[in-house]
Protein backbone atom coordinates (compact mmCIF):
# COMPACT_ATOMS: atom_id res chain seq x y z
CA UNK A 1 -11.45 -1.91 -11.07
CA UNK A 2 -8.05 -0.80 -12.27
CA UNK A 3 -5.76 -3.79 -12.78
CA UNK A 4 -2.36 -4.19 -11.12
CA UNK A 5 -0.71 -4.04 -14.55
CA UNK A 6 -2.41 -0.73 -15.28
CA UNK A 7 -1.36 0.65 -11.92
CA UNK A 8 2.23 -0.41 -12.53
CA UNK A 9 2.11 1.34 -15.89
CA UNK A 10 0.85 4.49 -14.25
CA UNK A 11 3.64 4.35 -11.70
CA UNK A 12 6.27 3.96 -14.40
CA UNK A 13 4.83 6.92 -16.28
CA UNK A 14 5.03 9.08 -13.18
CA UNK A 15 8.51 7.98 -12.15
CA UNK A 16 10.08 8.22 -15.59
CA UNK A 17 8.47 11.54 -16.39
CA UNK A 18 10.52 13.29 -13.72
CA UNK A 19 7.40 14.39 -11.86
CA UNK A 20 5.86 15.36 -15.19
CA UNK A 21 7.72 18.59 -15.27
CA UNK A 22 9.21 20.01 -18.47
CA UNK A 23 10.18 23.22 -16.73
CA UNK A 24 10.02 24.23 -13.08
CA UNK A 25 7.17 26.68 -13.58
CA UNK A 26 5.37 24.93 -16.40
CA UNK A 27 1.84 24.28 -15.14
CA UNK A 28 0.17 24.00 -18.52
CA UNK A 29 -0.07 21.83 -21.60
CA UNK A 30 -2.62 19.95 -23.65
CA UNK A 31 -5.31 17.64 -22.31
CA UNK A 32 -7.63 14.91 -23.52
CA UNK A 33 -10.58 13.45 -21.64
CA UNK A 34 -12.71 10.56 -22.85
CA UNK A 35 -14.92 7.91 -21.33
CA UNK A 36 -13.53 4.44 -20.73
CA UNK A 37 -15.85 1.86 -22.26
CA UNK A 38 -14.58 -0.73 -19.78
CA UNK A 39 -15.10 1.17 -16.54
CA UNK A 40 -17.44 4.03 -17.37
CA UNK A 41 -14.94 6.42 -15.79
CA UNK A 42 -13.14 9.29 -17.46
CA UNK A 43 -9.64 8.75 -18.84
CA UNK A 44 -7.53 11.90 -18.74
CA UNK A 45 -4.24 12.40 -20.55
CA UNK A 46 -2.04 15.43 -20.00
CA UNK A 47 0.88 16.36 -22.24
CA UNK A 48 3.47 19.10 -22.28
CA UNK A 49 6.53 19.71 -24.39
CA UNK A 50 7.10 18.78 -28.02
CA UNK A 51 4.80 15.77 -28.04
CA UNK A 52 4.12 15.97 -31.76
CA UNK A 53 7.79 15.58 -32.54
CA UNK A 54 8.20 12.79 -30.04
CA UNK A 55 10.97 14.57 -28.13
CA UNK A 56 10.94 16.55 -24.90
CA UNK A 57 7.44 15.36 -24.05
CA UNK A 58 6.19 14.71 -20.52
CA UNK A 59 2.81 13.13 -20.04
CA UNK A 60 0.62 11.35 -17.57
CA UNK A 61 -2.59 9.38 -17.75
CA UNK A 62 -5.14 8.67 -15.08
CA UNK A 63 -8.66 7.34 -14.77
CA UNK A 64 -11.10 9.26 -12.63
CA UNK A 65 -14.78 8.83 -11.77
CA UNK A 66 -17.03 11.32 -13.52
CA UNK A 67 -17.88 12.77 -10.10
CA UNK A 68 -14.26 13.91 -9.68
CA UNK A 69 -14.83 16.67 -12.23
CA UNK A 70 -17.05 19.69 -12.36
CA UNK A 71 -18.14 21.04 -15.73
CA UNK A 72 -18.31 17.75 -17.64
CA UNK A 73 -20.66 14.78 -17.86
CA UNK A 74 -20.69 11.61 -19.93
CA UNK A 75 -23.55 13.08 -21.97
CA UNK A 76 -21.40 16.14 -22.77
CA UNK A 77 -18.88 13.91 -24.56
CA UNK A 78 -21.60 13.04 -27.06
CA UNK A 79 -22.18 16.66 -28.01
CA UNK A 80 -19.83 17.23 -30.96
CA UNK A 81 -18.19 20.66 -30.95
CA UNK A 82 -19.45 21.77 -27.54
CA UNK A 83 -16.97 23.77 -25.45
CA UNK A 84 -16.31 22.40 -21.96
CA UNK A 85 -14.31 23.46 -18.95
CA UNK A 86 -13.60 20.34 -16.89
CA UNK A 87 -12.30 21.14 -13.41
CA UNK A 88 -10.62 18.71 -11.03
CA UNK A 89 -10.19 20.13 -7.54
CA UNK A 90 -7.89 18.52 -4.99
CA UNK A 91 -6.06 19.51 -1.81
CA UNK A 92 -2.83 20.13 -3.70
CA UNK A 93 -4.42 22.39 -6.32
CA UNK A 94 -6.91 22.79 -9.13
CA UNK A 95 -6.55 21.43 -12.67
CA UNK A 96 -8.65 22.79 -15.54
CA UNK A 97 -9.01 21.20 -18.97
CA UNK A 98 -10.72 23.57 -21.42
CA UNK A 99 -11.50 22.72 -25.00
CA UNK A 100 -14.02 21.26 -27.42
CA UNK A 101 -15.49 17.82 -27.89
CA UNK A 102 -14.45 15.92 -31.01
CA UNK A 103 -15.25 12.26 -31.64
CA UNK A 104 -16.50 11.81 -28.06
CA UNK A 105 -13.29 13.24 -26.58
CA UNK A 106 -12.63 16.58 -24.93
CA UNK A 107 -9.48 18.01 -26.52
CA UNK A 108 -7.96 21.25 -25.33
CA UNK A 109 -5.47 22.90 -23.02
CA UNK A 110 -4.95 22.44 -19.32
CA UNK A 111 -3.68 24.68 -16.59
CA UNK A 112 -2.85 23.79 -13.02
CA UNK A 113 -3.09 26.17 -10.09
CA UNK A 114 -1.08 24.77 -7.17
CA UNK A 115 -2.24 25.32 -3.60
CA UNK A 116 1.08 26.09 -1.98
CA UNK A 117 -0.49 26.12 1.49
CA UNK A 118 -0.72 22.33 1.07
CA UNK A 119 3.07 22.25 1.46
CA UNK A 120 2.75 23.86 4.88
CA UNK A 121 -0.06 21.51 5.93
CA UNK A 122 2.05 18.51 4.99
CA UNK A 123 5.09 19.92 6.78
CA UNK A 124 2.99 20.03 9.96
CA UNK A 125 2.72 16.22 9.86
CA UNK A 126 6.41 15.71 9.12
CA UNK A 127 6.37 15.46 5.31
CA UNK A 128 9.05 17.81 4.06
CA UNK A 129 10.76 18.35 0.72
CA UNK A 130 7.59 19.08 -1.20
CA UNK A 131 8.12 21.67 -3.90
CA UNK A 132 5.45 23.30 -6.08
CA UNK A 133 6.39 21.05 -9.00
CA UNK A 134 5.12 17.97 -7.15
CA UNK A 135 1.73 19.46 -6.39
CA UNK A 136 0.29 18.79 -9.83
CA UNK A 137 0.96 15.07 -9.51
CA UNK A 138 -0.32 15.05 -5.95
CA UNK A 139 -3.54 16.65 -7.15
CA UNK A 140 -4.01 14.20 -10.02
CA UNK A 141 -3.49 11.16 -7.78
CA UNK A 142 -5.43 12.60 -4.82
CA UNK A 143 -2.66 12.76 -2.24
CA UNK A 144 -4.37 14.13 0.85
CA UNK A 145 -3.25 15.10 4.32
CA UNK A 146 -5.85 12.90 6.02
CA UNK A 147 -4.75 9.84 4.03
CA UNK A 148 -1.12 10.37 5.09
CA UNK A 149 -2.18 10.89 8.71
CA UNK A 150 -4.18 7.64 8.62
CA UNK A 151 -1.06 5.73 7.51
CA UNK A 152 1.02 7.41 10.19
CA UNK A 153 -1.54 6.47 12.84
CA UNK A 154 -1.39 2.89 11.59
CA UNK A 155 2.33 2.96 12.42
CA UNK A 156 3.80 3.22 8.92
CA UNK A 157 7.34 4.61 8.93
CA UNK A 158 9.34 6.01 6.03
CA UNK A 159 6.59 8.07 4.39
CA UNK A 160 8.32 10.75 2.34
CA UNK A 161 7.50 13.29 -0.33
CA UNK A 162 9.08 11.06 -2.98
CA UNK A 163 7.10 7.88 -2.26
CA UNK A 164 3.65 9.39 -1.74
CA UNK A 165 2.70 8.87 -5.39
CA UNK A 166 3.66 5.19 -5.41
CA UNK A 167 1.82 4.65 -2.13
CA UNK A 168 -1.26 6.26 -3.64
CA UNK A 169 -1.12 4.57 -7.05
CA UNK A 170 -0.81 1.13 -5.47
CA UNK A 171 -3.66 1.89 -3.07
CA UNK A 172 -1.77 1.53 0.20
CA UNK A 173 -4.23 2.50 2.91
CA UNK A 174 -4.80 1.94 6.62
CA UNK A 175 -7.13 -1.02 5.96
CA UNK A 176 -4.38 -2.89 4.11
CA UNK A 177 -1.92 -2.13 6.92
CA UNK A 178 -4.38 -3.24 9.62
CA UNK A 179 -5.08 -6.48 7.72
CA UNK A 180 -1.36 -7.30 7.67
CA UNK A 181 -1.08 -6.49 11.36
CA UNK A 182 -4.04 -8.76 12.12
CA UNK A 183 -2.20 -11.59 10.36
CA UNK A 184 0.74 -11.22 12.73
CA UNK A 185 3.07 -8.98 10.77
CA UNK A 186 4.91 -6.01 12.20
CA UNK A 187 3.88 -2.82 10.46
CA UNK A 188 5.83 -2.67 7.19
CA UNK A 189 7.66 0.51 6.23
CA UNK A 190 6.31 2.56 3.34
CA UNK A 191 8.63 1.16 0.67
CA UNK A 192 7.91 -2.42 1.78
CA UNK A 193 4.18 -1.75 1.54
CA UNK A 194 4.67 -0.50 -2.01
CA UNK A 195 6.56 -3.68 -2.92
CA UNK A 196 3.82 -5.85 -1.40
CA UNK A 197 1.15 -4.00 -3.36
CA UNK A 198 3.14 -3.99 -6.61
CA UNK A 199 3.32 -7.78 -6.52
CA UNK A 200 -0.30 -8.21 -5.47
CA UNK A 201 0.25 -9.63 -1.99
CA UNK A 202 -3.23 -9.79 -0.50
CA UNK A 203 -4.50 -10.69 2.98
CA UNK A 204 -7.01 -13.27 1.73
CA UNK A 205 -4.29 -15.39 0.14
CA UNK A 206 -2.03 -14.96 3.17
CA UNK A 207 -4.81 -16.40 5.34
CA UNK A 208 -5.04 -19.43 3.06
CA UNK A 209 -1.29 -20.01 3.21
CA UNK A 210 -1.23 -19.63 7.00
CA UNK A 211 -4.10 -22.11 7.30
CA UNK A 212 -1.83 -24.62 5.56
CA UNK A 213 0.73 -24.25 8.33
CA UNK A 214 3.04 -21.71 6.71
CA UNK A 215 4.04 -18.35 8.14
CA UNK A 216 5.97 -16.65 5.36
CA UNK A 217 7.90 -13.47 5.95
CA UNK A 218 7.01 -10.36 3.99
CA UNK A 219 9.93 -10.99 1.64
CA UNK A 220 8.78 -14.58 1.15
CA UNK A 221 5.28 -13.33 0.35
CA UNK A 222 6.72 -11.21 -2.44
CA UNK A 223 8.74 -14.19 -3.74
CA UNK A 224 5.64 -16.35 -3.69
CA UNK A 225 3.77 -13.86 -5.83
CA UNK A 226 6.69 -13.42 -8.25
CA UNK A 227 7.01 -17.18 -8.80
CA UNK A 228 3.27 -17.96 -8.57
CA UNK A 229 3.49 -20.08 -5.45
CA UNK A 230 -0.23 -20.10 -4.69
CA UNK A 231 -2.24 -22.15 -2.19
CA UNK A 232 -3.44 -24.28 -5.11
CA UNK A 233 0.15 -24.87 -6.25
CA UNK A 234 1.16 -25.90 -2.72
CA UNK A 235 -1.69 -28.41 -2.57
CA UNK A 236 -0.72 -29.87 -5.94
CA UNK A 237 2.91 -30.27 -4.88
CA UNK A 238 1.84 -32.06 -1.72
CA UNK A 239 -0.36 -34.34 -3.79
CA UNK A 240 2.64 -35.16 -5.98
CA UNK A 241 4.49 -36.44 -2.93
CA UNK A 242 6.98 -33.63 -2.34
CA UNK A 243 8.16 -33.75 1.29
CA UNK A 244 9.22 -30.98 3.71
CA UNK A 245 7.85 -28.27 1.49
CA UNK A 246 9.22 -25.05 2.90
CA UNK A 247 8.53 -21.76 1.18
CA UNK A 248 12.11 -21.76 -0.11
CA UNK A 249 11.67 -25.23 -1.62
CA UNK A 250 8.38 -24.29 -3.22
CA UNK A 251 10.03 -21.29 -4.84
CA UNK A 252 12.85 -23.52 -6.10
CA UNK A 253 10.35 -25.95 -7.58
CA UNK A 254 8.88 -23.05 -9.55
CA UNK A 255 12.25 -21.63 -10.59
CA UNK A 256 13.65 -24.96 -11.81
CA UNK A 257 10.31 -26.23 -13.11
CA UNK A 258 10.60 -29.40 -11.08
CA UNK A 259 6.85 -29.92 -11.05
CA UNK A 260 6.60 -30.29 -14.81
């Protein structure tokens, strides 16, 4: 399972890379694919620009299950010198990484063929402002029309071309939205959902907090995660004799280290 820290790193890579675009029509560069010893999935790194010199270099990294690719298997990465053509096909387009295996890593060049009809399909559901340059990132992070529609049906507002990647990286889906709704929360807007996911707000912990008599707002839930106000911490503060422990007071106890 990809950790929240890893996901945040991926998001920062995407956002700071300017949609990974060195030039408007640059759909090529170098690629590396290797197996992750921790997850058994394939780690893919794409680079373009003057990466060797350290300047003018855009890159992205992602981890994909082996099944996401055609033309490559884990066994292939053990065949030194073999030529492979790994193909990742998504709604937004097709990415190909072609090269040779060296030291259990496929090293070569990639090309991306955008499916510009995806722009029209997304426009049909109200997502505008998608240009061809975004399609490569959409393909890598599996932005799909059905996924967007599922969020819209769940009542999520504010879904835009520019926040689709963050929504996808932080695994915002209809199940997460429905879980929040079941806990009594109005459907959060897209950017609020991203913030909740970034900070690791999860329904299981919310249930625990509510069972203790608290009903934190969404903003308070984020604060609680930032300052590590957990159900266990609340119990310990009550055991220490703190009275009238509101969420705000619990956060202050953490900020000013009053429990130490």
